[in-house]
Amino acid sequence: MADDTIVKMRAAHKVLTEFSYEPVKLQRGYANRTLRFDISKNTVEIRPVDPQMKDLWIGGKGFDLWLMFQEINAETKWDSPENPICMSSGPLGGTTAFPGSGKTLVTAISPLTFAVMDCNVGGFFGPYLKFAGFDALCIVGKA
């Protein structure tokens, strides 16, 4: 990229919203809260984890599916603003005792199958989300 392109991109940058939070201590692998971004409204919201969510929808995939089913309806398509992208690592996310604890599940409606699909990704996102005090992240809206 040319230097002038980078300068133009930096000049066009603007803060859409600000958000602050207090990290919480994990209890049995759970932070008991999720983070929800609505990019249509430029809002950030902390939501509590429903006890049923922990009891019936276990792990990163379970949390993502719970969040998906709270946001979508029968008419939601893959390109609908209400189609969320959910990310969660589950209660073992970030623990050093288990291999694969750095994995994160990403869930959304597939444009190919029109079904809810998930993808398992590695890296540090899931553990860092957990260390920040959140069990899952849900992004909705249309930029």
N, C-alpha and C. Protein backbone atom coordinates (compact mmCIF):
# COMPACT_ATOMS: atom_id res chain seq x y z
N MET A 1 0.84 -1.19 0.00
CA MET A 1 0.00 0.00 0.00
C MET A 1 0.88 1.25 0.00
N ALA A 2 0.48 2.22 -0.72
CA ALA A 2 1.22 3.47 -0.75
C ALA A 2 1.04 4.22 0.56
N ASP A 3 2.06 5.00 0.93
CA ASP A 3 2.01 5.75 2.19
C ASP A 3 0.84 6.72 2.24
N ASP A 4 0.50 7.35 1.11
CA ASP A 4 -0.61 8.30 1.12
C ASP A 4 -1.95 7.60 1.35
N THR A 5 -2.08 6.35 0.90
CA THR A 5 -3.30 5.58 1.15
C THR A 5 -3.48 5.32 2.64
N ILE A 6 -2.40 4.96 3.30
CA ILE A 6 -2.46 4.71 4.74
C ILE A 6 -2.80 5.99 5.50
N VAL A 7 -2.23 7.09 5.10
CA VAL A 7 -2.52 8.37 5.74
C VAL A 7 -3.99 8.73 5.57
N LYS A 8 -4.54 8.52 4.39
CA LYS A 8 -5.96 8.79 4.14
C LYS A 8 -6.86 7.90 4.99
N MET A 9 -6.48 6.62 5.10
CA MET A 9 -7.27 5.69 5.92
C MET A 9 -7.26 6.12 7.38
N ARG A 10 -6.11 6.51 7.89
CA ARG A 10 -6.03 6.96 9.28
C ARG A 10 -6.83 8.23 9.51
N ALA A 11 -6.81 9.13 8.55
CA ALA A 11 -7.55 10.39 8.68
C ALA A 11 -9.06 10.14 8.65
N ALA A 12 -9.49 9.11 7.94
CA ALA A 12 -10.92 8.81 7.85
C ALA A 12 -11.44 8.05 9.07
N HIS A 13 -10.54 7.54 9.90
CA HIS A 13 -10.93 6.76 11.08
C HIS A 13 -11.67 7.63 12.09
N LYS A 14 -12.77 7.10 12.62
CA LYS A 14 -13.48 7.81 13.68
C LYS A 14 -14.02 6.79 14.68
N VAL A 15 -14.09 7.20 15.92
CA VAL A 15 -14.60 6.34 16.98
C VAL A 15 -16.12 6.38 16.93
N LEU A 16 -16.75 5.22 16.79
CA LEU A 16 -18.20 5.15 16.69
C LEU A 16 -18.86 5.05 18.05
N THR A 17 -18.20 4.38 18.98
CA THR A 17 -18.73 4.25 20.33
C THR A 17 -17.59 3.91 21.27
N GLU A 18 -17.79 4.19 22.53
CA GLU A 18 -16.80 3.82 23.54
C GLU A 18 -17.48 2.94 24.57
N PHE A 19 -16.68 2.08 25.18
CA PHE A 19 -17.22 1.09 26.10
C PHE A 19 -16.16 0.77 27.15
N SER A 20 -16.57 0.69 28.39
CA SER A 20 -15.64 0.26 29.43
C SER A 20 -16.32 -0.82 30.27
N TYR A 21 -15.52 -1.62 30.92
CA TYR A 21 -16.06 -2.73 31.71
C TYR A 21 -15.06 -3.09 32.80
N GLU A 22 -15.52 -3.84 33.76
CA GLU A 22 -14.67 -4.38 34.81
C GLU A 22 -14.54 -5.88 34.60
N PRO A 23 -13.32 -6.40 34.52
CA PRO A 23 -13.17 -7.86 34.41
C PRO A 23 -13.73 -8.54 35.66
N VAL A 24 -14.22 -9.75 35.48
CA VAL A 24 -14.76 -10.51 36.61
C VAL A 24 -13.95 -11.79 36.79
N LYS A 25 -14.03 -12.34 37.98
CA LYS A 25 -13.35 -13.59 38.27
C LYS A 25 -14.20 -14.75 37.75
N LEU A 26 -13.55 -15.72 37.13
CA LEU A 26 -14.26 -16.88 36.60
C LEU A 26 -14.73 -17.78 37.73
N GLN A 27 -15.91 -18.35 37.55
CA GLN A 27 -16.47 -19.29 38.51
C GLN A 27 -16.74 -20.60 37.79
N ARG A 28 -15.94 -21.61 38.11
CA ARG A 28 -16.06 -22.93 37.46
C ARG A 28 -15.97 -22.83 35.94
N GLY A 29 -15.09 -21.97 35.46
CA GLY A 29 -14.87 -21.83 34.03
C GLY A 29 -15.77 -20.84 33.33
N TYR A 30 -16.69 -20.23 34.07
CA TYR A 30 -17.63 -19.29 33.46
C TYR A 30 -17.46 -17.88 34.03
N ALA A 31 -17.58 -16.90 33.16
CA ALA A 31 -17.61 -15.50 33.58
C ALA A 31 -19.04 -15.05 33.85
N ASN A 32 -20.00 -15.81 33.38
CA ASN A 32 -21.44 -15.55 33.56
C ASN A 32 -21.92 -14.27 32.89
N ARG A 33 -21.27 -13.92 31.79
CA ARG A 33 -21.77 -12.79 31.00
C ARG A 33 -21.26 -12.90 29.57
N THR A 34 -22.04 -12.32 28.67
CA THR A 34 -21.68 -12.30 27.25
C THR A 34 -21.61 -10.85 26.78
N LEU A 35 -20.93 -10.66 25.68
CA LEU A 35 -20.76 -9.33 25.11
C LEU A 35 -21.49 -9.30 23.78
N ARG A 36 -22.32 -8.28 23.56
CA ARG A 36 -23.12 -8.18 22.33
C ARG A 36 -22.85 -6.84 21.66
N PHE A 37 -22.40 -6.89 20.41
CA PHE A 37 -22.18 -5.70 19.59
C PHE A 37 -23.31 -5.61 18.57
N ASP A 38 -23.93 -4.44 18.45
CA ASP A 38 -24.88 -4.19 17.38
C ASP A 38 -24.26 -3.12 16.50
N ILE A 39 -23.73 -3.52 15.35
CA ILE A 39 -23.01 -2.57 14.51
C ILE A 39 -23.95 -1.68 13.69
N SER A 40 -25.25 -1.99 13.66
CA SER A 40 -26.21 -1.09 13.03
C SER A 40 -26.46 0.13 13.91
N LYS A 41 -26.52 -0.11 15.22
CA LYS A 41 -26.81 0.96 16.18
C LYS A 41 -25.58 1.47 16.91
N ASN A 42 -24.42 0.87 16.64
CA ASN A 42 -23.17 1.22 17.32
C ASN A 42 -23.31 1.12 18.83
N THR A 43 -23.85 0.00 19.30
CA THR A 43 -24.01 -0.22 20.73
C THR A 43 -23.24 -1.46 21.17
N VAL A 44 -22.81 -1.42 22.41
CA VAL A 44 -22.14 -2.55 23.05
C VAL A 44 -22.90 -2.82 24.34
N GLU A 45 -23.18 -4.08 24.59
CA GLU A 45 -24.02 -4.43 25.73
C GLU A 45 -23.46 -5.68 26.42
N ILE A 46 -23.44 -5.66 27.75
CA ILE A 46 -23.08 -6.84 28.52
C ILE A 46 -24.38 -7.50 28.95
N ARG A 47 -24.49 -8.80 28.65
CA ARG A 47 -25.70 -9.54 29.01
C ARG A 47 -25.33 -10.67 29.96
N PRO A 48 -26.17 -10.93 30.95
CA PRO A 48 -25.88 -12.05 31.85
C PRO A 48 -26.13 -13.39 31.16
N VAL A 49 -25.43 -14.39 31.63
CA VAL A 49 -25.63 -15.75 31.12
C VAL A 49 -26.81 -16.35 31.87
N ASP A 50 -27.79 -16.80 31.12
CA ASP A 50 -28.95 -17.46 31.70
C ASP A 50 -28.50 -18.79 32.30
N PRO A 51 -28.93 -19.14 33.53
CA PRO A 51 -28.53 -20.43 34.11
C PRO A 51 -28.87 -21.62 33.21
N GLN A 52 -29.98 -21.53 32.47
CA GLN A 52 -30.35 -22.60 31.54
C GLN A 52 -29.30 -22.75 30.44
N MET A 53 -28.69 -21.64 30.07
CA MET A 53 -27.67 -21.66 29.03
C MET A 53 -26.49 -22.54 29.47
N LYS A 54 -26.09 -22.42 30.73
CA LYS A 54 -24.97 -23.22 31.24
C LYS A 54 -25.36 -24.68 31.45
N ASP A 55 -26.58 -24.93 31.86
CA ASP A 55 -27.01 -26.29 32.18
C ASP A 55 -27.32 -27.13 30.94
N LEU A 56 -27.93 -26.53 29.93
CA LEU A 56 -28.39 -27.29 28.77
C LEU A 56 -27.55 -27.11 27.51
N TRP A 57 -26.85 -26.00 27.38
CA TRP A 57 -26.13 -25.68 26.16
C TRP A 57 -24.64 -25.58 26.49
N ILE A 58 -24.02 -26.69 26.75
CA ILE A 58 -22.66 -26.75 27.28
C ILE A 58 -21.62 -26.45 26.21
N GLY A 59 -20.56 -25.77 26.61
CA GLY A 59 -19.40 -25.56 25.75
C GLY A 59 -19.57 -24.42 24.77
N GLY A 60 -18.52 -24.19 23.98
CA GLY A 60 -18.53 -23.11 23.02
C GLY A 60 -19.63 -23.24 21.99
N LYS A 61 -19.83 -24.45 21.48
CA LYS A 61 -20.87 -24.66 20.47
C LYS A 61 -22.25 -24.45 21.08
N GLY A 62 -22.45 -24.95 22.28
CA GLY A 62 -23.73 -24.77 22.96
C GLY A 62 -24.05 -23.31 23.21
N PHE A 63 -23.06 -22.56 23.69
CA PHE A 63 -23.27 -21.14 23.94
C PHE A 63 -23.60 -20.41 22.64
N ASP A 64 -22.84 -20.71 21.59
CA ASP A 64 -23.11 -20.06 20.31
C ASP A 64 -24.51 -20.37 19.80
N LEU A 65 -24.93 -21.63 19.90
CA LEU A 65 -26.27 -21.99 19.43
C LEU A 65 -27.34 -21.30 20.26
N TRP A 66 -27.16 -21.22 21.57
CA TRP A 66 -28.11 -20.52 22.44
C TRP A 66 -28.24 -19.06 22.00
N LEU A 67 -27.09 -18.41 21.80
CA LEU A 67 -27.11 -17.00 21.38
C LEU A 67 -27.75 -16.84 20.01
N MET A 68 -27.44 -17.76 19.09
CA MET A 68 -28.04 -17.71 17.75
C MET A 68 -29.56 -17.78 17.84
N PHE A 69 -30.05 -18.75 18.60
CA PHE A 69 -31.50 -18.96 18.67
C PHE A 69 -32.21 -17.85 19.42
N GLN A 70 -31.49 -17.05 20.20
CA GLN A 70 -32.09 -15.88 20.84
C GLN A 70 -32.23 -14.72 19.84
N GLU A 71 -31.42 -14.71 18.80
CA GLU A 71 -31.37 -13.59 17.86
C GLU A 71 -32.15 -13.82 16.56
N ILE A 72 -32.26 -15.07 16.11
CA ILE A 72 -32.84 -15.32 14.79
C ILE A 72 -34.28 -15.81 14.88
N ASN A 73 -34.95 -15.79 13.72
CA ASN A 73 -36.29 -16.39 13.61
C ASN A 73 -36.32 -17.20 12.31
N ALA A 74 -37.46 -17.74 11.97
CA ALA A 74 -37.57 -18.62 10.80
C ALA A 74 -37.27 -17.90 9.48
N GLU A 75 -37.44 -16.58 9.44
CA GLU A 75 -37.21 -15.83 8.21
C GLU A 75 -35.78 -15.28 8.10
N THR A 76 -34.96 -15.45 9.09
CA THR A 76 -33.61 -14.89 9.07
C THR A 76 -32.77 -15.60 8.01
N LYS A 77 -32.17 -14.82 7.13
CA LYS A 77 -31.31 -15.34 6.07
C LYS A 77 -29.85 -15.04 6.43
N TRP A 78 -28.95 -15.60 5.64
CA TRP A 78 -27.52 -15.44 5.92
C TRP A 78 -27.08 -13.97 5.83
N ASP A 79 -27.74 -13.17 4.99
CA ASP A 79 -27.34 -11.78 4.83
C ASP A 79 -28.25 -10.81 5.58
N SER A 80 -29.11 -11.31 6.45
CA SER A 80 -29.99 -10.45 7.24
C SER A 80 -29.19 -9.77 8.34
N PRO A 81 -29.51 -8.51 8.66
CA PRO A 81 -28.80 -7.83 9.75
C PRO A 81 -28.93 -8.54 11.09
N GLU A 82 -30.03 -9.28 11.28
CA GLU A 82 -30.20 -9.97 12.56
C GLU A 82 -29.47 -11.31 12.61
N ASN A 83 -28.82 -11.73 11.53
CA ASN A 83 -28.02 -12.95 11.55
C ASN A 83 -26.75 -12.67 12.35
N PRO A 84 -26.63 -13.22 13.54
CA PRO A 84 -25.46 -12.91 14.35
C PRO A 84 -24.25 -13.75 13.96
N ILE A 85 -23.09 -13.23 14.28
CA ILE A 85 -21.86 -14.00 14.27
C ILE A 85 -21.50 -14.17 15.73
N CYS A 86 -21.51 -15.40 16.21
CA CYS A 86 -21.26 -15.68 17.63
C CYS A 86 -19.93 -16.39 17.78
N MET A 87 -19.20 -16.05 18.85
CA MET A 87 -17.91 -16.66 19.14
C MET A 87 -17.83 -17.02 20.61
N SER A 88 -17.38 -18.23 20.89
CA SER A 88 -17.27 -18.69 22.27
C SER A 88 -16.22 -19.78 22.37
N SER A 89 -15.58 -19.85 23.54
CA SER A 89 -14.57 -20.89 23.73
C SER A 89 -15.01 -21.97 24.71
N GLY A 90 -16.11 -21.79 25.39
CA GLY A 90 -16.58 -22.78 26.36
C GLY A 90 -15.89 -22.65 27.70
N PRO A 91 -16.29 -23.44 28.69
CA PRO A 91 -15.76 -23.29 30.04
C PRO A 91 -14.29 -23.67 30.18
N LEU A 92 -13.74 -24.45 29.27
CA LEU A 92 -12.33 -24.82 29.35
C LEU A 92 -11.42 -23.85 28.61
N GLY A 93 -11.99 -22.84 27.96
CA GLY A 93 -11.21 -21.88 27.20
C GLY A 93 -10.16 -21.19 28.04
N GLY A 94 -8.91 -21.27 27.58
CA GLY A 94 -7.82 -20.59 28.27
C GLY A 94 -7.16 -21.38 29.38
N THR A 95 -7.67 -22.56 29.69
CA THR A 95 -7.02 -23.37 30.72
C THR A 95 -5.80 -24.05 30.10
N THR A 96 -4.76 -24.22 30.89
CA THR A 96 -3.53 -24.82 30.37
C THR A 96 -3.49 -26.33 30.57
N ALA A 97 -4.45 -26.89 31.27
CA ALA A 97 -4.44 -28.32 31.58
C ALA A 97 -4.90 -29.19 30.42
N PHE A 98 -5.56 -28.61 29.44
CA PHE A 98 -6.14 -29.41 28.35
C PHE A 98 -5.65 -28.91 26.99
N PRO A 99 -5.21 -29.84 26.13
CA PRO A 99 -4.89 -29.42 24.76
C PRO A 99 -6.16 -28.95 24.05
N GLY A 100 -6.02 -27.98 23.21
CA GLY A 100 -7.19 -27.49 22.48
C GLY A 100 -8.00 -26.46 23.23
N SER A 101 -7.54 -26.05 24.41
CA SER A 101 -8.32 -25.08 25.18
C SER A 101 -8.22 -23.68 24.59
N GLY A 102 -7.38 -23.51 23.58
CA GLY A 102 -7.30 -22.23 22.90
C GLY A 102 -8.25 -22.12 21.73
N LYS A 103 -9.07 -23.13 21.51
CA LYS A 103 -10.00 -23.13 20.38
C LYS A 103 -11.20 -22.22 20.64
N THR A 104 -11.72 -21.68 19.57
CA THR A 104 -12.90 -20.83 19.62
C THR A 104 -13.87 -21.32 18.55
N LEU A 105 -15.14 -21.36 18.88
CA LEU A 105 -16.16 -21.70 17.90
C LEU A 105 -16.79 -20.41 17.36
N VAL A 106 -16.93 -20.33 16.06
CA VAL A 106 -17.58 -19.21 15.40
C VAL A 106 -18.82 -19.77 14.71
N THR A 107 -19.98 -19.17 14.96
CA THR A 107 -21.24 -19.70 14.45
C THR A 107 -22.04 -18.61 13.75
N ALA A 108 -22.65 -18.96 12.62
CA ALA A 108 -23.53 -18.04 11.87
C ALA A 108 -24.36 -18.88 10.89
N ILE A 109 -25.29 -18.23 10.20
CA ILE A 109 -26.07 -18.92 9.17
C ILE A 109 -25.23 -18.96 7.89
N SER A 110 -25.11 -20.14 7.32
CA SER A 110 -24.29 -20.34 6.13
C SER A 110 -24.99 -19.82 4.87
N PRO A 111 -24.26 -19.10 3.99
CA PRO A 111 -24.86 -18.67 2.72
C PRO A 111 -25.00 -19.83 1.74
N LEU A 112 -24.28 -20.93 1.97
CA LEU A 112 -24.34 -22.08 1.07
C LEU A 112 -25.50 -23.00 1.41
N THR A 113 -25.66 -23.34 2.69
CA THR A 113 -26.68 -24.31 3.09
C THR A 113 -27.90 -23.66 3.74
N PHE A 114 -27.81 -22.38 4.09
CA PHE A 114 -28.87 -21.64 4.79
C PHE A 114 -29.17 -22.24 6.16
N ALA A 115 -28.26 -23.04 6.69
CA ALA A 115 -28.39 -23.64 8.01
C ALA A 115 -27.39 -22.99 8.96
N VAL A 116 -27.61 -23.15 10.25
CA VAL A 116 -26.66 -22.65 11.23
C VAL A 116 -25.43 -23.56 11.18
N MET A 117 -24.28 -22.97 10.93
CA MET A 117 -23.03 -23.73 10.83
C MET A 117 -22.01 -23.14 11.78
N ASP A 118 -21.02 -23.96 12.15
CA ASP A 118 -19.96 -23.47 13.03
C ASP A 118 -18.60 -23.82 12.46
N CYS A 119 -17.61 -23.11 12.93
CA CYS A 119 -16.24 -23.30 12.51
C CYS A 119 -15.37 -23.25 13.76
N ASN A 120 -14.44 -24.16 13.87
CA ASN A 120 -13.55 -24.22 15.01
C ASN A 120 -12.23 -23.58 14.61
N VAL A 121 -11.81 -22.54 15.32
CA VAL A 121 -10.58 -21.83 14.99
C VAL A 121 -9.63 -21.84 16.18
N GLY A 122 -8.35 -21.78 15.89
CA GLY A 122 -7.34 -21.74 16.94
C GLY A 122 -6.89 -20.32 17.21
N GLY A 123 -5.89 -20.18 18.03
CA GLY A 123 -5.34 -18.88 18.33
C GLY A 123 -5.64 -18.43 19.74
N PHE A 124 -5.52 -17.14 19.97
CA PHE A 124 -5.64 -16.59 21.31
C PHE A 124 -6.96 -15.88 21.58
N PHE A 125 -7.82 -15.76 20.58
CA PHE A 125 -9.04 -14.97 20.76
C PHE A 125 -9.93 -15.52 21.88
N GLY A 126 -10.23 -16.81 21.85
CA GLY A 126 -11.10 -17.42 22.86
C GLY A 126 -10.58 -17.27 24.27
N PRO A 127 -9.31 -17.64 24.52
CA PRO A 127 -8.78 -17.44 25.87
C PRO A 127 -8.76 -15.97 26.29
N TYR A 128 -8.41 -15.06 25.39
CA TYR A 128 -8.39 -13.64 25.76
C TYR A 128 -9.79 -13.11 26.04
N LEU A 129 -10.78 -13.59 25.30
CA LEU A 129 -12.17 -13.20 25.58
C LEU A 129 -12.55 -13.66 26.98
N LYS A 130 -12.17 -14.88 27.33
CA LYS A 130 -12.45 -15.42 28.66
C LYS A 130 -11.69 -14.65 29.74
N PHE A 131 -10.41 -14.35 29.50
CA PHE A 131 -9.61 -13.59 30.47
C PHE A 131 -10.16 -12.18 30.65
N ALA A 132 -10.79 -11.63 29.62
CA ALA A 132 -11.41 -10.30 29.72
C ALA A 132 -12.70 -10.34 30.53
N GLY A 133 -13.22 -11.55 30.78
CA GLY A 133 -14.40 -11.69 31.61
C GLY A 133 -15.69 -11.94 30.85
N PHE A 134 -15.59 -12.55 29.67
CA PHE A 134 -16.79 -12.84 28.87
C PHE A 134 -16.76 -14.28 28.39
N ASP A 135 -17.92 -14.93 28.43
CA ASP A 135 -18.03 -16.31 27.95
C ASP A 135 -18.23 -16.37 26.44
N ALA A 136 -18.83 -15.36 25.87
CA ALA A 136 -19.13 -15.38 24.44
C ALA A 136 -19.26 -13.96 23.91
N LEU A 137 -19.17 -13.85 22.60
CA LEU A 137 -19.31 -12.58 21.90
C LEU A 137 -20.33 -12.79 20.79
N CYS A 138 -21.26 -11.85 20.65
CA CYS A 138 -22.28 -11.93 19.62
C CYS A 138 -22.30 -10.60 18.86
N ILE A 139 -22.13 -10.66 17.55
CA ILE A 139 -22.12 -9.46 16.71
C ILE A 139 -23.35 -9.52 15.81
N VAL A 140 -24.18 -8.48 15.87
CA VAL A 140 -25.37 -8.39 15.02
C VAL A 140 -25.37 -7.06 14.29
N GLY A 141 -26.25 -6.94 13.32
CA GLY A 141 -26.41 -5.67 12.62
C GLY A 141 -25.71 -5.65 11.28
N LYS A 142 -25.81 -4.52 10.64
CA LYS A 142 -25.23 -4.34 9.32
C LYS A 142 -24.46 -3.03 9.31
N ALA A 143 -23.22 -3.09 8.88
CA ALA A 143 -22.37 -1.90 8.86
C ALA A 143 -22.76 -0.99 7.71
